[in-house]
Amino acid sequence: MGSKGLMPTFAAQNTMWNKILSYLYLRKSQPAEQRPGFNLRMMHGINRISLFIFLFAIIVLLLRWLF
């Protein structure tokens, strides 16, 4: 059996990063006329803030554990 099933291809990894960047709005995925409504944008904004706080806390915990 080859290694095809074990490691994703570069194209699949590239797609994964594109989805992450588009979720974080570092890269726009939709034209302005197709954007969701205000409530949905606020919900995604709050989710984005909580994700950044969570990642920051994980980094702080790792730094405290290492040093």
C-alpha atoms as a PDB file:
ATOM      1  CA  MET A   1       0.000   0.000   0.000  1.00  0.00           C
ATOM      2  CA  GLY A   2       1.360   3.428  -0.928  1.00  0.00           C
ATOM      3  CA  SER A   3       1.496   6.571   1.134  1.00  0.00           C
ATOM      4  CA  LYS A   4      -1.463   8.161  -0.695  1.00  0.00           C
ATOM      5  CA  GLY A   5      -3.868   7.450   2.145  1.00  0.00           C
ATOM      6  CA  LEU A   6      -1.509   8.604   4.894  1.00  0.00           C
ATOM      7  CA  MET A   7      -0.608  12.127   3.844  1.00  0.00           C
ATOM      8  CA  PRO A   8      -2.895  14.614   2.139  1.00  0.00           C
ATOM      9  CA  THR A   9      -1.703  15.993  -1.145  1.00  0.00           C
ATOM     10  CA  PHE A  10      -0.441  19.560  -1.506  1.00  0.00           C
ATOM     11  CA  ALA A  11      -3.687  20.539  -3.250  1.00  0.00           C
ATOM     12  CA  ALA A  12      -5.750  19.251  -0.309  1.00  0.00           C
ATOM     13  CA  GLN A  13      -3.527  21.090   2.186  1.00  0.00           C
ATOM     14  CA  ASN A  14      -3.765  24.256   0.101  1.00  0.00           C
ATOM     15  CA  THR A  15      -7.569  23.983   0.086  1.00  0.00           C
ATOM     16  CA  MET A  16      -7.607  23.527   3.874  1.00  0.00           C
ATOM     17  CA  TRP A  17      -5.547  26.705   4.408  1.00  0.00           C
ATOM     18  CA  ASN A  18      -7.759  28.600   1.959  1.00  0.00           C
ATOM     19  CA  LYS A  19     -10.835  27.635   3.990  1.00  0.00           C
ATOM     20  CA  ILE A  20      -9.177  28.681   7.254  1.00  0.00           C
ATOM     21  CA  LEU A  21      -8.030  32.014   5.818  1.00  0.00           C
ATOM     22  CA  SER A  22     -11.432  32.698   4.286  1.00  0.00           C
ATOM     23  CA  TYR A  23     -13.119  31.955   7.645  1.00  0.00           C
ATOM     24  CA  LEU A  24     -10.803  34.360   9.434  1.00  0.00           C
ATOM     25  CA  TYR A  25     -11.479  36.930   6.677  1.00  0.00           C
ATOM     26  CA  LEU A  26      -7.812  37.180   5.883  1.00  0.00           C
ATOM     27  CA  ARG A  27      -8.964  36.305   2.409  1.00  0.00           C
ATOM     28  CA  LYS A  28     -12.407  37.205   1.057  1.00  0.00           C
ATOM     29  CA  SER A  29     -14.378  34.282  -0.318  1.00  0.00           C
ATOM     30  CA  GLN A  30     -17.575  36.037  -1.451  1.00  0.00           C
ATOM     31  CA  PRO A  31     -18.292  39.133  -3.490  1.00  0.00           C
ATOM     32  CA  ALA A  32     -19.758  42.068  -1.582  1.00  0.00           C
ATOM     33  CA  GLU A  33     -23.271  41.620  -3.007  1.00  0.00           C
ATOM     34  CA  GLN A  34     -23.479  38.001  -1.730  1.00  0.00           C
ATOM     35  CA  ARG A  35     -22.400  38.672   1.868  1.00  0.00           C
ATOM     36  CA  PRO A  36     -24.586  37.333   4.684  1.00  0.00           C
ATOM     37  CA  GLY A  37     -26.725  39.544   6.888  1.00  0.00           C
ATOM     38  CA  PHE A  38     -25.660  41.583   9.894  1.00  0.00           C
ATOM     39  CA  ASN A  39     -26.576  38.963  12.536  1.00  0.00           C
ATOM     40  CA  LEU A  40     -24.625  36.200  10.826  1.00  0.00           C
ATOM     41  CA  ARG A  41     -21.581  38.449  10.392  1.00  0.00           C
ATOM     42  CA  MET A  42     -21.686  39.380  14.092  1.00  0.00           C
ATOM     43  CA  MET A  43     -21.963  35.707  15.076  1.00  0.00           C
ATOM     44  CA  HIS A  44     -18.912  34.873  12.959  1.00  0.00           C
ATOM     45  CA  GLY A  45     -17.063  37.846  14.438  1.00  0.00           C
ATOM     46  CA  ILE A  46     -17.726  36.663  17.989  1.00  0.00           C
ATOM     47  CA  ASN A  47     -16.653  33.130  17.034  1.00  0.00           C
ATOM     48  CA  ARG A  48     -13.468  34.553  15.524  1.00  0.00           C
ATOM     49  CA  ILE A  49     -12.693  36.506  18.714  1.00  0.00           C
ATOM     50  CA  SER A  50     -13.249  33.439  20.893  1.00  0.00           C
ATOM     51  CA  LEU A  51     -11.021  31.361  18.602  1.00  0.00           C
ATOM     52  CA  PHE A  52      -8.189  33.906  18.890  1.00  0.00           C
ATOM     53  CA  ILE A  53      -8.569  34.055  22.688  1.00  0.00           C
ATOM     54  CA  PHE A  54      -8.512  30.257  22.875  1.00  0.00           C
ATOM     55  CA  LEU A  55      -5.373  30.032  20.716  1.00  0.00           C
ATOM     56  CA  PHE A  56      -3.712  32.762  22.779  1.00  0.00           C
ATOM     57  CA  ALA A  57      -4.517  30.853  25.995  1.00  0.00           C
ATOM     58  CA  ILE A  58      -3.111  27.613  24.546  1.00  0.00           C
ATOM     59  CA  ILE A  59       0.111  29.424  23.582  1.00  0.00           C
ATOM     60  CA  VAL A  60       0.393  30.948  27.082  1.00  0.00           C
ATOM     61  CA  LEU A  61      -0.154  27.534  28.699  1.00  0.00           C
ATOM     62  CA  LEU A  62       2.462  25.942  26.450  1.00  0.00           C
ATOM     63  CA  LEU A  63       4.973  28.695  27.239  1.00  0.00           C
ATOM     64  CA  ARG A  64       4.348  28.327  30.981  1.00  0.00           C
ATOM     65  CA  TRP A  65       4.759  24.555  30.712  1.00  0.00           C
ATOM     66  CA  LEU A  66       7.976  24.815  28.688  1.00  0.00           C
ATOM     67  CA  PHE A  67       9.626  27.603  30.697  1.00  0.00           C
END
